Protein backbone atom coordinates (compact mmCIF):
# COMPACT_ATOMS: atom_id res chain seq x y z
CA UNK A 1 4.15 6.19 19.24
CA UNK A 2 6.84 4.60 17.36
CA UNK A 3 6.84 3.63 13.48
CA UNK A 4 5.82 0.19 13.16
CA UNK A 5 6.27 0.93 8.92
CA UNK A 6 6.66 2.35 5.72
CA UNK A 7 4.48 3.01 2.87
CA UNK A 8 6.53 4.40 -0.40
CA UNK A 9 3.40 6.19 -2.19
CA UNK A 10 3.52 8.43 -5.71
CA UNK A 11 1.36 9.42 -8.37
CA UNK A 12 3.02 9.44 -12.42
CA UNK A 13 3.74 12.39 -13.10
CA UNK A 14 2.64 11.44 -16.67
CA UNK A 15 -1.56 10.38 -15.60
CA UNK A 16 -4.08 11.78 -16.30
CA UNK A 17 -5.21 12.21 -13.30
CA UNK A 18 -4.13 13.39 -9.96
CA UNK A 19 -6.18 10.01 -8.52
CA UNK A 20 -3.52 7.67 -10.69
CA UNK A 21 -1.29 6.23 -7.41
CA UNK A 22 1.51 3.84 -6.97
CA UNK A 23 2.40 2.02 -4.08
CA UNK A 24 6.41 0.53 -4.57
CA UNK A 25 7.34 -0.29 -1.09
CA UNK A 26 5.28 -0.88 2.00
CA UNK A 27 6.35 -2.88 4.93
CA UNK A 28 4.91 -3.46 8.66
CA UNK A 29 6.85 -4.77 10.82
CA UNK A 30 7.45 -8.58 11.27
CA UNK A 31 5.85 -8.81 14.75
CA UNK A 32 3.17 -6.17 14.08
CA UNK A 33 1.89 -8.24 10.90
CA UNK A 34 -0.94 -10.18 10.56
CA UNK A 35 -2.96 -7.82 13.16
CA UNK A 36 -4.65 -5.34 10.85
CA UNK A 37 -2.48 -2.31 10.88
CA UNK A 38 -1.54 -2.85 7.13
CA UNK A 39 -5.05 -3.04 6.03
CA UNK A 40 -4.84 0.13 8.32
CA UNK A 41 -2.32 1.96 6.66
CA UNK A 42 -3.79 0.83 3.47
CA UNK A 43 -7.42 3.50 4.52
CA UNK A 44 -4.70 5.57 5.71
CA UNK A 45 -3.78 6.18 2.07
CA UNK A 46 -6.76 5.72 0.47
CA UNK A 47 -7.93 8.71 2.36
CA UNK A 48 -5.12 9.90 1.85
CA UNK A 49 -4.80 10.07 -1.45
CA UNK A 50 -8.65 9.03 -2.66
CA UNK A 51 -6.58 7.15 -5.03
CA UNK A 52 -9.41 5.42 -8.24
CA UNK A 53 -6.12 3.41 -9.89
CA UNK A 54 -3.66 1.95 -7.95
CA UNK A 55 -0.46 0.42 -9.02
CA UNK A 56 1.97 -1.83 -7.09
CA UNK A 57 5.32 -2.83 -7.28
CA UNK A 58 5.08 -6.48 -5.98
CA UNK A 59 8.27 -9.01 -5.90
CA UNK A 60 6.98 -12.04 -8.05
CA UNK A 61 8.76 -14.39 -4.98
CA UNK A 62 6.72 -12.66 -2.69
CA UNK A 63 3.98 -15.10 -1.61
CA UNK A 64 2.65 -12.63 1.58
CA UNK A 65 2.04 -9.16 -0.28
CA UNK A 66 0.83 -11.36 -3.44
CA UNK A 67 -1.97 -12.44 -0.41
CA UNK A 68 -1.98 -9.55 0.79
CA UNK A 69 -2.97 -6.96 -1.45
CA UNK A 70 -6.14 -8.34 -3.02
CA UNK A 71 -8.14 -8.02 -0.09
CA UNK A 72 -6.40 -4.78 1.75
CA UNK A 73 -7.94 -3.39 -1.81
CA UNK A 74 -11.81 -4.03 -0.63
């Protein structure tokens, strides 16, 4: 019943379709990482927004995020 993370998701106001979204922030608390919760959260985002294209804002030194997202989107 307690939050273990959050995601900041939106769509581009000038997009040709509402199916183009972005994820600007995505966090899972450290003690809950590597347990599948991140993938579950991505699945919930996909179900809620039904996105066709997704843009990610990732800090280039954030290797965990760089490693996570390619597999999370499959």
